[in-house]
Structures are given as structure tokens and as C-alpha cells.
PDB file of all heavy atoms in Angstrom:
ATOM      1  N   GLY A   1       0.783  -1.273   0.003  1.00  0.00           N
ATOM      2  CA  GLY A   1      -0.017  -0.079  -0.020  1.00  0.00           C
ATOM      3  C   GLY A   1       0.797   1.279   0.031  1.00  0.00           C
ATOM      4  O   GLY A   1       1.985   1.311   0.358  1.00  0.00           O
ATOM      5  N   ASN A   2       0.257   2.268  -0.528  1.00  0.00           N
ATOM      6  CA  ASN A   2       0.893   3.659  -0.576  1.00  0.00           C
ATOM      7  C   ASN A   2       0.687   4.315   0.775  1.00  0.00           C
ATOM      8  O   ASN A   2      -0.410   4.501   1.209  1.00  0.00           O
ATOM      9  CB  ASN A   2       0.114   4.436  -1.792  1.00  0.00           C
ATOM     10  CG  ASN A   2       0.686   5.799  -1.888  1.00  0.00           C
ATOM     11  OD1 ASN A   2       0.835   6.530  -0.874  1.00  0.00           O
ATOM     12  ND2 ASN A   2       0.966   6.142  -3.099  1.00  0.00           N
ATOM     13  N   VAL A   3       1.706   4.748   1.386  1.00  0.00           N
ATOM     14  CA  VAL A   3       1.664   5.323   2.654  1.00  0.00           C
ATOM     15  C   VAL A   3       0.829   6.628   2.671  1.00  0.00           C
ATOM     16  O   VAL A   3       0.216   6.895   3.637  1.00  0.00           O
ATOM     17  CB  VAL A   3       3.113   5.572   3.267  1.00  0.00           C
ATOM     18  CG1 VAL A   3       3.882   6.623   2.408  1.00  0.00           C
ATOM     19  CG2 VAL A   3       3.070   5.915   4.738  1.00  0.00           C
ATOM     20  N   PHE A   4       0.975   7.402   1.547  1.00  0.00           N
ATOM     21  CA  PHE A   4       0.134   8.578   1.428  1.00  0.00           C
ATOM     22  C   PHE A   4      -1.340   8.279   1.493  1.00  0.00           C
ATOM     23  O   PHE A   4      -2.111   9.035   2.146  1.00  0.00           O
ATOM     24  CB  PHE A   4       0.551   9.343   0.227  1.00  0.00           C
ATOM     25  CG  PHE A   4       1.990   9.764   0.284  1.00  0.00           C
ATOM     26  CD1 PHE A   4       2.923   9.105  -0.484  1.00  0.00           C
ATOM     27  CD2 PHE A   4       2.359  10.898   1.059  1.00  0.00           C
ATOM     28  CE1 PHE A   4       4.233   9.517  -0.445  1.00  0.00           C
ATOM     29  CE2 PHE A   4       3.775  11.255   1.106  1.00  0.00           C
ATOM     30  CZ  PHE A   4       4.687  10.589   0.298  1.00  0.00           C
ATOM     31  N   SER A   5      -1.793   7.290   0.772  1.00  0.00           N
ATOM     32  CA  SER A   5      -3.196   6.841   0.830  1.00  0.00           C
ATOM     33  C   SER A   5      -3.519   6.276   2.166  1.00  0.00           C
ATOM     34  O   SER A   5      -4.673   6.552   2.688  1.00  0.00           O
ATOM     35  CB  SER A   5      -3.541   5.861  -0.270  1.00  0.00           C
ATOM     36  OG  SER A   5      -3.279   6.435  -1.560  1.00  0.00           O
ATOM     37  N   ARG A   6      -2.671   5.461   2.631  1.00  0.00           N
ATOM     38  CA  ARG A   6      -3.079   4.719   3.931  1.00  0.00           C
ATOM     39  C   ARG A   6      -3.257   5.789   5.040  1.00  0.00           C
ATOM     40  O   ARG A   6      -4.191   5.729   5.833  1.00  0.00           O
ATOM     41  CB  ARG A   6      -1.844   3.858   4.423  1.00  0.00           C
ATOM     42  CG  ARG A   6      -1.997   2.432   3.817  1.00  0.00           C
ATOM     43  CD  ARG A   6      -0.928   1.512   4.354  1.00  0.00           C
ATOM     44  NE  ARG A   6      -1.007   0.254   3.777  1.00  0.00           N
ATOM     45  CZ  ARG A   6      -1.578  -0.810   4.435  1.00  0.00           C
ATOM     46  NH1 ARG A   6      -2.087  -0.651   5.614  1.00  0.00           N
ATOM     47  NH2 ARG A   6      -1.573  -1.953   3.802  1.00  0.00           N
ATOM     48  N   ILE A   7      -2.366   6.708   5.201  1.00  0.00           N
ATOM     49  CA  ILE A   7      -2.414   7.710   6.325  1.00  0.00           C
ATOM     50  C   ILE A   7      -3.374   8.753   5.961  1.00  0.00           C
ATOM     51  O   ILE A   7      -4.272   9.175   6.758  1.00  0.00           O
ATOM     52  CB  ILE A   7      -1.026   8.138   6.765  1.00  0.00           C
ATOM     53  CG1 ILE A   7      -0.225   7.023   7.308  1.00  0.00           C
ATOM     54  CG2 ILE A   7      -1.086   9.232   7.755  1.00  0.00           C
ATOM     55  CD1 ILE A   7       1.240   7.303   7.488  1.00  0.00           C
ATOM     56  N   GLY A   8      -3.147   9.489   4.800  1.00  0.00           N
ATOM     57  CA  GLY A   8      -3.876  10.705   4.441  1.00  0.00           C
ATOM     58  C   GLY A   8      -5.289  10.450   4.052  1.00  0.00           C
ATOM     59  O   GLY A   8      -6.140  11.320   4.329  1.00  0.00           O
ATOM     60  N   ARG A   9      -5.668   9.369   3.465  1.00  0.00           N
ATOM     61  CA  ARG A   9      -7.019   9.151   3.002  1.00  0.00           C
ATOM     62  C   ARG A   9      -7.713   8.000   3.782  1.00  0.00           C
ATOM     63  O   ARG A   9      -8.916   8.233   4.059  1.00  0.00           O
ATOM     64  CB  ARG A   9      -7.018   8.772   1.550  1.00  0.00           C
ATOM     65  CG  ARG A   9      -6.607   9.984   0.692  1.00  0.00           C
ATOM     66  CD  ARG A   9      -6.959   9.707  -0.747  1.00  0.00           C
ATOM     67  NE  ARG A   9      -6.349  10.719  -1.610  1.00  0.00           N
ATOM     68  CZ  ARG A   9      -5.292  10.612  -2.353  1.00  0.00           C
ATOM     69  NH1 ARG A   9      -4.704   9.422  -2.451  1.00  0.00           N
ATOM     70  NH2 ARG A   9      -4.874  11.585  -3.056  1.00  0.00           N
ATOM     71  N   GLN A  10      -7.083   6.916   3.989  1.00  0.00           N
ATOM     72  CA  GLN A  10      -7.666   5.837   4.796  1.00  0.00           C
ATOM     73  C   GLN A  10      -7.751   6.161   6.279  1.00  0.00           C
ATOM     74  O   GLN A  10      -8.660   5.705   6.912  1.00  0.00           O
ATOM     75  CB  GLN A  10      -6.837   4.531   4.518  1.00  0.00           C
ATOM     76  CG  GLN A  10      -7.501   3.261   5.142  1.00  0.00           C
ATOM     77  CD  GLN A  10      -6.615   2.023   4.889  1.00  0.00           C
ATOM     78  OE1 GLN A  10      -5.467   2.110   4.287  1.00  0.00           O
ATOM     79  NE2 GLN A  10      -7.007   0.971   5.500  1.00  0.00           N
ATOM     80  N   TRP A  11      -6.795   6.868   6.784  1.00  0.00           N
ATOM     81  CA  TRP A  11      -6.645   7.309   8.131  1.00  0.00           C
ATOM     82  C   TRP A  11      -6.146   6.088   9.009  1.00  0.00           C
ATOM     83  O   TRP A  11      -6.122   4.947   8.400  1.00  0.00           O
ATOM     84  CB  TRP A  11      -7.899   7.811   8.769  1.00  0.00           C
ATOM     85  CG  TRP A  11      -8.461   9.020   8.077  1.00  0.00           C
ATOM     86  CD1 TRP A  11      -7.829   9.896   7.198  1.00  0.00           C
ATOM     87  CD2 TRP A  11      -9.843   9.470   8.123  1.00  0.00           C
ATOM     88  NE1 TRP A  11      -8.737  10.799   6.782  1.00  0.00           N
ATOM     89  CE2 TRP A  11      -9.916  10.626   7.350  1.00  0.00           C
ATOM     90  CE3 TRP A  11     -10.937   9.048   8.878  1.00  0.00           C
ATOM     91  CZ2 TRP A  11     -11.197  11.265   7.220  1.00  0.00           C
ATOM     92  CZ3 TRP A  11     -12.092   9.777   8.823  1.00  0.00           C
ATOM     93  CH2 TRP A  11     -12.198  10.865   7.976  1.00  0.00           C
ATOM     94  N   MET A  12      -5.786   6.397  10.136  1.00  0.00           N
ATOM     95  CA  MET A  12      -5.222   5.249  10.996  1.00  0.00           C
ATOM     96  C   MET A  12      -5.826   5.676  12.473  1.00  0.00           C
ATOM     97  O   MET A  12      -6.101   6.789  12.840  1.00  0.00           O
ATOM     98  CB  MET A  12      -3.741   5.251  11.026  1.00  0.00           C
ATOM     99  CG  MET A  12      -3.013   6.495  11.479  1.00  0.00           C
ATOM    100  SD  MET A  12      -1.262   6.332  11.189  1.00  0.00           S
ATOM    101  CE  MET A  12      -0.697   8.050  11.691  1.00  0.00           C
ATOM    102  N   LEU A  13      -5.715   4.632  13.301  1.00  0.00           N
ATOM    103  CA  LEU A  13      -6.025   4.865  14.745  1.00  0.00           C
ATOM    104  C   LEU A  13      -4.702   4.723  15.498  1.00  0.00           C
ATOM    105  O   LEU A  13      -3.891   3.812  15.266  1.00  0.00           O
ATOM    106  CB  LEU A  13      -6.943   3.709  15.258  1.00  0.00           C
ATOM    107  CG  LEU A  13      -8.363   3.758  14.727  1.00  0.00           C
ATOM    108  CD1 LEU A  13      -9.267   2.608  15.281  1.00  0.00           C
ATOM    109  CD2 LEU A  13      -9.130   5.076  15.121  1.00  0.00           C
ATOM    110  N   VAL A  14      -4.469   5.699  16.349  1.00  0.00           N
ATOM    111  CA  VAL A  14      -3.306   5.614  17.171  1.00  0.00           C
ATOM    112  C   VAL A  14      -3.824   5.305  18.546  1.00  0.00           C
ATOM    113  O   VAL A  14      -4.780   5.910  19.021  1.00  0.00           O
ATOM    114  CB  VAL A  14      -2.643   7.111  17.313  1.00  0.00           C
ATOM    115  CG1 VAL A  14      -1.518   7.083  18.275  1.00  0.00           C
ATOM    116  CG2 VAL A  14      -2.298   7.699  15.866  1.00  0.00           C
ATOM    117  N   THR A  15      -3.266   4.156  19.019  1.00  0.00           N
ATOM    118  CA  THR A  15      -3.853   3.625  20.275  1.00  0.00           C
ATOM    119  C   THR A  15      -2.640   3.347  21.242  1.00  0.00           C
ATOM    120  O   THR A  15      -1.631   2.878  20.850  1.00  0.00           O
ATOM    121  CB  THR A  15      -4.471   2.250  19.883  1.00  0.00           C
ATOM    122  OG1 THR A  15      -5.398   2.490  18.919  1.00  0.00           O
ATOM    123  CG2 THR A  15      -5.243   1.677  21.134  1.00  0.00           C
ATOM    124  N   ALA A  16      -2.949   3.596  22.560  1.00  0.00           N
ATOM    125  CA  ALA A  16      -1.912   3.282  23.567  1.00  0.00           C
ATOM    126  C   ALA A  16      -2.751   2.918  24.814  1.00  0.00           C
ATOM    127  O   ALA A  16      -3.889   3.137  25.026  1.00  0.00           O
ATOM    128  CB  ALA A  16      -1.095   4.378  23.748  1.00  0.00           C
ATOM    129  N   GLY A  17      -2.012   2.236  25.719  1.00  0.00           N
ATOM    130  CA  GLY A  17      -2.500   1.751  27.002  1.00  0.00           C
ATOM    131  C   GLY A  17      -2.350   0.332  27.268  1.00  0.00           C
ATOM    132  O   GLY A  17      -1.317  -0.245  26.836  1.00  0.00           O
ATOM    133  N   THR A  18      -3.327  -0.235  27.789  1.00  0.00           N
ATOM    134  CA  THR A  18      -3.316  -1.719  28.045  1.00  0.00           C
ATOM    135  C   THR A  18      -4.600  -2.299  27.428  1.00  0.00           C
ATOM    136  O   THR A  18      -5.477  -1.642  27.016  1.00  0.00           O
ATOM    137  CB  THR A  18      -3.284  -2.019  29.520  1.00  0.00           C
ATOM    138  OG1 THR A  18      -4.523  -1.578  30.148  1.00  0.00           O
ATOM    139  CG2 THR A  18      -2.140  -1.357  30.149  1.00  0.00           C
ATOM    140  N   LYS A  19      -4.565  -3.664  27.415  1.00  0.00           N
ATOM    141  CA  LYS A  19      -5.804  -4.336  26.904  1.00  0.00           C
ATOM    142  C   LYS A  19      -7.033  -3.979  27.704  1.00  0.00           C
ATOM    143  O   LYS A  19      -8.086  -3.793  27.154  1.00  0.00           O
ATOM    144  CB  LYS A  19      -5.589  -5.869  26.960  1.00  0.00           C
ATOM    145  CG  LYS A  19      -6.772  -6.602  26.345  1.00  0.00           C
ATOM    146  CD  LYS A  19      -6.518  -8.112  26.246  1.00  0.00           C
ATOM    147  CE  LYS A  19      -7.689  -8.742  25.559  1.00  0.00           C
ATOM    148  NZ  LYS A  19      -7.436 -10.111  25.331  1.00  0.00           N
ATOM    149  N   GLU A  20      -6.864  -3.815  29.020  1.00  0.00           N
ATOM    150  CA  GLU A  20      -7.934  -3.413  29.949  1.00  0.00           C
ATOM    151  C   GLU A  20      -8.339  -2.034  29.872  1.00  0.00           C
ATOM    152  O   GLU A  20      -9.465  -1.657  30.087  1.00  0.00           O
ATOM    153  CB  GLU A  20      -7.664  -3.781  31.350  1.00  0.00           C
ATOM    154  CG  GLU A  20      -7.388  -5.276  31.608  1.00  0.00           C
ATOM    155  CD  GLU A  20      -6.048  -5.788  31.068  1.00  0.00           C
ATOM    156  OE1 GLU A  20      -5.129  -4.990  31.010  1.00  0.00           O
ATOM    157  OE2 GLU A  20      -5.998  -6.931  30.562  1.00  0.00           O
ATOM    158  N   ARG A  21      -7.371  -1.102  29.580  1.00  0.00           N
ATOM    159  CA  ARG A  21      -7.673   0.396  29.628  1.00  0.00           C
ATOM    160  C   ARG A  21      -6.783   1.010  28.512  1.00  0.00           C
ATOM    161  O   ARG A  21      -5.623   1.222  28.723  1.00  0.00           O
ATOM    162  CB  ARG A  21      -7.435   0.959  30.939  1.00  0.00           C
ATOM    163  CG  ARG A  21      -7.806   2.430  31.025  1.00  0.00           C
ATOM    164  CD  ARG A  21      -8.041   2.927  32.391  1.00  0.00           C
ATOM    165  NE  ARG A  21      -8.734   4.233  32.312  1.00  0.00           N
ATOM    166  CZ  ARG A  21      -8.028   5.257  32.627  1.00  0.00           C
ATOM    167  NH1 ARG A  21      -6.754   5.206  32.989  1.00  0.00           N
ATOM    168  NH2 ARG A  21      -8.597   6.509  32.536  1.00  0.00           N
ATOM    169  N   CYS A  22      -7.354   1.347  27.403  1.00  0.00           N
ATOM    170  CA  CYS A  22      -6.657   2.072  26.295  1.00  0.00           C
ATOM    171  C   CYS A  22      -7.480   3.129  25.798  1.00  0.00           C
ATOM    172  O   CYS A  22      -8.660   3.197  26.039  1.00  0.00           O
ATOM    173  CB  CYS A  22      -6.248   0.968  25.233  1.00  0.00           C
ATOM    174  SG  CYS A  22      -7.609   0.255  24.376  1.00  0.00           S
ATOM    175  N   ASN A  23      -6.828   4.002  24.981  1.00  0.00           N
ATOM    176  CA  ASN A  23      -7.625   5.015  24.327  1.00  0.00           C
ATOM    177  C   ASN A  23      -7.044   5.077  22.859  1.00  0.00           C
ATOM    178  O   ASN A  23      -5.827   4.682  22.636  1.00  0.00           O
ATOM    179  CB  ASN A  23      -7.469   6.430  24.994  1.00  0.00           C
ATOM    180  CG  ASN A  23      -8.515   7.294  24.502  1.00  0.00           C
ATOM    181  OD1 ASN A  23      -9.721   7.130  24.703  1.00  0.00           O
ATOM    182  ND2 ASN A  23      -8.186   8.355  23.853  1.00  0.00           N
ATOM    183  N   THR A  24      -7.909   5.496  21.959  1.00  0.00           N
ATOM    184  CA  THR A  24      -7.466   5.558  20.609  1.00  0.00           C
ATOM    185  C   THR A  24      -8.051   6.792  19.955  1.00  0.00           C
ATOM    186  O   THR A  24      -8.966   7.372  20.428  1.00  0.00           O
ATOM    187  CB  THR A  24      -8.067   4.331  19.865  1.00  0.00           C
ATOM    188  OG1 THR A  24      -7.493   4.262  18.555  1.00  0.00           O
ATOM    189  CG2 THR A  24      -9.646   4.333  19.702  1.00  0.00           C
ATOM    190  N   MET A  25      -7.368   7.314  18.915  1.00  0.00           N
ATOM    191  CA  MET A  25      -7.777   8.519  18.250  1.00  0.00           C
ATOM    192  C   MET A  25      -7.519   8.376  16.720  1.00  0.00           C
ATOM    193  O   MET A  25      -6.544   7.587  16.351  1.00  0.00           O
ATOM    194  CB  MET A  25      -7.152   9.753  18.722  1.00  0.00           C
ATOM    195  CG  MET A  25      -5.632   9.727  18.547  1.00  0.00           C
ATOM    196  SD  MET A  25      -4.921  11.270  18.929  1.00  0.00           S
ATOM    197  CE  MET A  25      -4.903  12.069  17.377  1.00  0.00           C
ATOM    198  N   THR A  26      -8.333   8.929  15.918  1.00  0.00           N
ATOM    199  CA  THR A  26      -8.095   8.896  14.440  1.00  0.00           C
ATOM    200  C   THR A  26      -6.994   9.929  14.053  1.00  0.00           C
ATOM    201  O   THR A  26      -7.032  10.984  14.676  1.00  0.00           O
ATOM    202  CB  THR A  26      -9.394   9.200  13.756  1.00  0.00           C
ATOM    203  OG1 THR A  26     -10.438   8.173  14.064  1.00  0.00           O
ATOM    204  CG2 THR A  26      -9.219   9.176  12.238  1.00  0.00           C
ATOM    205  N   ALA A  27      -6.148   9.558  13.212  1.00  0.00           N
ATOM    206  CA  ALA A  27      -5.095  10.473  12.757  1.00  0.00           C
ATOM    207  C   ALA A  27      -4.975  10.379  11.169  1.00  0.00           C
ATOM    208  O   ALA A  27      -5.117   9.302  10.658  1.00  0.00           O
ATOM    209  CB  ALA A  27      -3.809  10.111  13.442  1.00  0.00           C
ATOM    210  N   SER A  28      -4.634  11.545  10.587  1.00  0.00           N
ATOM    211  CA  SER A  28      -4.439  11.481   9.129  1.00  0.00           C
ATOM    212  C   SER A  28      -3.118  12.186   8.901  1.00  0.00           C
ATOM    213  O   SER A  28      -2.748  12.553   7.743  1.00  0.00           O
ATOM    214  CB  SER A  28      -5.510  12.179   8.370  1.00  0.00           C
ATOM    215  OG  SER A  28      -5.650  13.548   8.816  1.00  0.00           O
ATOM    216  N   TRP A  29      -2.285  12.421   9.933  1.00  0.00           N
ATOM    217  CA  TRP A  29      -0.959  12.940   9.784  1.00  0.00           C
ATOM    218  C   TRP A  29       0.023  11.927  10.356  1.00  0.00           C
ATOM    219  O   TRP A  29      -0.172  11.487  11.390  1.00  0.00           O
ATOM    220  CB  TRP A  29      -0.724  14.283  10.488  1.00  0.00           C
ATOM    221  CG  TRP A  29      -1.578  15.418  10.024  1.00  0.00           C
ATOM    222  CD1 TRP A  29      -2.433  15.474   9.063  1.00  0.00           C
ATOM    223  CD2 TRP A  29      -1.339  16.808  10.424  1.00  0.00           C
ATOM    224  NE1 TRP A  29      -2.945  16.779   8.866  1.00  0.00           N
ATOM    225  CE2 TRP A  29      -2.191  17.575   9.733  1.00  0.00           C
ATOM    226  CE3 TRP A  29      -0.572  17.457  11.475  1.00  0.00           C
ATOM    227  CZ2 TRP A  29      -2.297  19.013   9.827  1.00  0.00           C
ATOM    228  CZ3 TRP A  29      -0.654  18.794  11.562  1.00  0.00           C
ATOM    229  CH2 TRP A  29      -1.508  19.583  10.822  1.00  0.00           C
ATOM    230  N   GLY A  30       0.999  11.687   9.585  1.00  0.00           N
ATOM    231  CA  GLY A  30       1.977  10.719  10.100  1.00  0.00           C
ATOM    232  C   GLY A  30       2.936  10.271   8.968  1.00  0.00           C
ATOM    233  O   GLY A  30       2.836  10.896   7.847  1.00  0.00           O
ATOM    234  N   GLY A  31       3.784   9.354   9.176  1.00  0.00           N
ATOM    235  CA  GLY A  31       4.697   8.931   8.222  1.00  0.00           C
ATOM    236  C   GLY A  31       5.417   7.610   8.541  1.00  0.00           C
ATOM    237  O   GLY A  31       5.327   7.157   9.669  1.00  0.00           O
ATOM    238  N   LEU A  32       5.893   6.917   7.584  1.00  0.00           N
ATOM    239  CA  LEU A  32       6.664   5.667   7.681  1.00  0.00           C
ATOM    240  C   LEU A  32       7.971   5.938   7.036  1.00  0.00           C
ATOM    241  O   LEU A  32       8.041   6.516   5.923  1.00  0.00           O
ATOM    242  CB  LEU A  32       5.864   4.509   7.106  1.00  0.00           C
ATOM    243  CG  LEU A  32       4.480   4.290   7.639  1.00  0.00           C
ATOM    244  CD1 LEU A  32       3.843   3.117   6.861  1.00  0.00           C
ATOM    245  CD2 LEU A  32       4.527   3.997   9.205  1.00  0.00           C
ATOM    246  N   GLY A  33       9.028   5.347   7.529  1.00  0.00           N
ATOM    247  CA  GLY A  33      10.299   5.409   6.892  1.00  0.00           C
ATOM    248  C   GLY A  33      11.321   4.618   7.777  1.00  0.00           C
ATOM    249  O   GLY A  33      11.034   3.716   8.421  1.00  0.00           O
ATOM    250  N   VAL A  34      12.631   5.039   7.603  1.00  0.00           N
ATOM    251  CA  VAL A  34      13.727   4.418   8.384  1.00  0.00           C
ATOM    252  C   VAL A  34      14.344   5.631   9.154  1.00  0.00           C
ATOM    253  O   VAL A  34      14.681   6.608   8.562  1.00  0.00           O
ATOM    254  CB  VAL A  34      14.706   3.781   7.340  1.00  0.00           C
ATOM    255  CG1 VAL A  34      15.925   3.180   8.111  1.00  0.00           C
ATOM    256  CG2 VAL A  34      13.999   2.718   6.549  1.00  0.00           C
ATOM    257  N   LEU A  35      14.617   5.329  10.420  1.00  0.00           N
ATOM    258  CA  LEU A  35      15.317   6.224  11.232  1.00  0.00           C
ATOM    259  C   LEU A  35      16.229   5.414  12.148  1.00  0.00           C
ATOM    260  O   LEU A  35      15.775   4.404  12.708  1.00  0.00           O
ATOM    261  CB  LEU A  35      14.353   7.123  11.996  1.00  0.00           C
ATOM    262  CG  LEU A  35      14.953   8.204  13.020  1.00  0.00           C
ATOM    263  CD1 LEU A  35      15.749   9.157  12.160  1.00  0.00           C
ATOM    264  CD2 LEU A  35      13.911   8.845  13.870  1.00  0.00           C
ATOM    265  N   TRP A  36      17.432   5.890  12.421  1.00  0.00           N
ATOM    266  CA  TRP A  36      18.450   5.214  13.211  1.00  0.00           C
ATOM    267  C   TRP A  36      18.569   3.744  12.817  1.00  0.00           C
ATOM    268  O   TRP A  36      18.703   2.942  13.606  1.00  0.00           O
ATOM    269  CB  TRP A  36      18.020   5.417  14.647  1.00  0.00           C
ATOM    270  CG  TRP A  36      17.977   6.909  15.125  1.00  0.00           C
ATOM    271  CD1 TRP A  36      18.819   7.839  14.753  1.00  0.00           C
ATOM    272  CD2 TRP A  36      16.963   7.373  16.004  1.00  0.00           C
ATOM    273  NE1 TRP A  36      18.432   9.026  15.250  1.00  0.00           N
ATOM    274  CE2 TRP A  36      17.313   8.814  16.082  1.00  0.00           C
ATOM    275  CE3 TRP A  36      15.803   6.976  16.509  1.00  0.00           C
ATOM    276  CZ2 TRP A  36      16.550   9.693  16.857  1.00  0.00           C
ATOM    277  CZ3 TRP A  36      15.076   7.853  17.345  1.00  0.00           C
ATOM    278  CH2 TRP A  36      15.538   9.216  17.478  1.00  0.00           C
ATOM    279  N   GLY A  37      18.442   3.529  11.465  1.00  0.00           N
ATOM    280  CA  GLY A  37      18.611   2.116  10.958  1.00  0.00           C
ATOM    281  C   GLY A  37      17.509   1.204  11.289  1.00  0.00           C
ATOM    282  O   GLY A  37      17.633  -0.011  10.967  1.00  0.00           O
ATOM    283  N   ARG A  38      16.394   1.705  11.665  1.00  0.00           N
ATOM    284  CA  ARG A  38      15.296   0.860  11.966  1.00  0.00           C
ATOM    285  C   ARG A  38      13.949   1.320  11.281  1.00  0.00           C
ATOM    286  O   ARG A  38      13.815   2.550  11.003  1.00  0.00           O
ATOM    287  CB  ARG A  38      15.005   0.903  13.474  1.00  0.00           C
ATOM    288  CG  ARG A  38      16.129   0.577  14.402  1.00  0.00           C
ATOM    289  CD  ARG A  38      16.256  -0.941  14.515  1.00  0.00           C
ATOM    290  NE  ARG A  38      17.259  -1.175  15.477  1.00  0.00           N
ATOM    291  CZ  ARG A  38      17.908  -2.201  15.609  1.00  0.00           C
ATOM    292  NH1 ARG A  38      17.790  -3.160  14.683  1.00  0.00           N
ATOM    293  NH2 ARG A  38      18.887  -2.449  16.577  1.00  0.00           N
ATOM    294  N   PRO A  39      13.028   0.393  10.884  1.00  0.00           N
ATOM    295  CA  PRO A  39      11.753   0.974  10.410  1.00  0.00           C
ATOM    296  C   PRO A  39      11.013   1.670  11.507  1.00  0.00           C
ATOM    297  O   PRO A  39      10.921   1.281  12.629  1.00  0.00           O
ATOM    298  CB  PRO A  39      11.037  -0.425  10.040  1.00  0.00           C
ATOM    299  CG  PRO A  39      11.789  -1.482  10.864  1.00  0.00           C
ATOM    300  CD  PRO A  39      13.065  -1.017  11.101  1.00  0.00           C
ATOM    301  N   SER A  40      10.538   2.871  11.006  1.00  0.00           N
ATOM    302  CA  SER A  40       9.883   3.797  12.066  1.00  0.00           C
ATOM    303  C   SER A  40       8.687   4.338  11.520  1.00  0.00           C
ATOM    304  O   SER A  40       8.417   4.412  10.335  1.00  0.00           O
ATOM    305  CB  SER A  40      10.920   4.894  12.325  1.00  0.00           C
ATOM    306  OG  SER A  40      12.132   4.380  12.847  1.00  0.00           O
ATOM    307  N   ALA A  41       7.767   4.807  12.419  1.00  0.00           N
ATOM    308  CA  ALA A  41       6.602   5.484  12.118  1.00  0.00           C
ATOM    309  C   ALA A  41       6.551   6.769  13.006  1.00  0.00           C
ATOM    310  O   ALA A  41       7.071   6.800  14.136  1.00  0.00           O
ATOM    311  CB  ALA A  41       5.419   4.604  12.541  1.00  0.00           C
ATOM    312  N   THR A  42       5.909   7.775  12.426  1.00  0.00           N
ATOM    313  CA  THR A  42       5.673   9.038  13.237  1.00  0.00           C
ATOM    314  C   THR A  42       4.241   9.226  13.319  1.00  0.00           C
ATOM    315  O   THR A  42       3.373   8.918  12.298  1.00  0.00           O
ATOM    316  CB  THR A  42       6.221  10.262  12.507  1.00  0.00           C
ATOM    317  OG1 THR A  42       5.746  10.357  11.141  1.00  0.00           O
ATOM    318  CG2 THR A  42       7.842  10.064  12.327  1.00  0.00           C
ATOM    319  N   ALA A  43       3.772   9.905  14.386  1.00  0.00           N
ATOM    320  CA  ALA A  43       2.418  10.308  14.639  1.00  0.00           C
ATOM    321  C   ALA A  43       2.524  11.696  15.323  1.00  0.00           C
ATOM    322  O   ALA A  43       3.468  11.943  15.959  1.00  0.00           O
ATOM    323  CB  ALA A  43       1.751   9.229  15.553  1.00  0.00           C
ATOM    324  N   TYR A  44       1.489  12.480  14.939  1.00  0.00           N
ATOM    325  CA  TYR A  44       1.561  13.868  15.477  1.00  0.00           C
ATOM    326  C   TYR A  44       0.287  13.996  16.339  1.00  0.00           C
ATOM    327  O   TYR A  44      -0.857  13.814  15.818  1.00  0.00           O
ATOM    328  CB  TYR A  44       1.547  14.814  14.321  1.00  0.00           C
ATOM    329  CG  TYR A  44       2.749  14.651  13.473  1.00  0.00           C
ATOM    330  CD1 TYR A  44       2.693  13.803  12.401  1.00  0.00           C
ATOM    331  CD2 TYR A  44       3.897  15.362  13.759  1.00  0.00           C
ATOM    332  CE1 TYR A  44       3.874  13.619  11.643  1.00  0.00           C
ATOM    333  CE2 TYR A  44       5.055  15.270  13.025  1.00  0.00           C
ATOM    334  CZ  TYR A  44       4.967  14.364  11.844  1.00  0.00           C
ATOM    335  OH  TYR A  44       6.141  14.157  11.142  1.00  0.00           O
TER     336      TYR A  44
END
């Protein structure tokens, strides 16, 4: 998939917490790439 379509048009859920208590939000800003020699993702 195209990262621009996935994030900018399809959108994504950014989620953190635990299985018992988490929160999520929709985001359409972010990126995927390589940083410090590792596959990386950004969220704003």
C-alpha cells in the first residue's frame, strides 16, 4: 500500500494503554520510513 493513501485518505487509529484500559484516536498525519537504521513510524 501507498503510505500517503493509507495515512492521508484511509486514516489510522493511534492507540496506547493496556488491553484493559486503552484510548484511541483517528489520525491523518504521520509517516513511515527508516530512522536510526530501524523501520519507524511518526504520529503527530
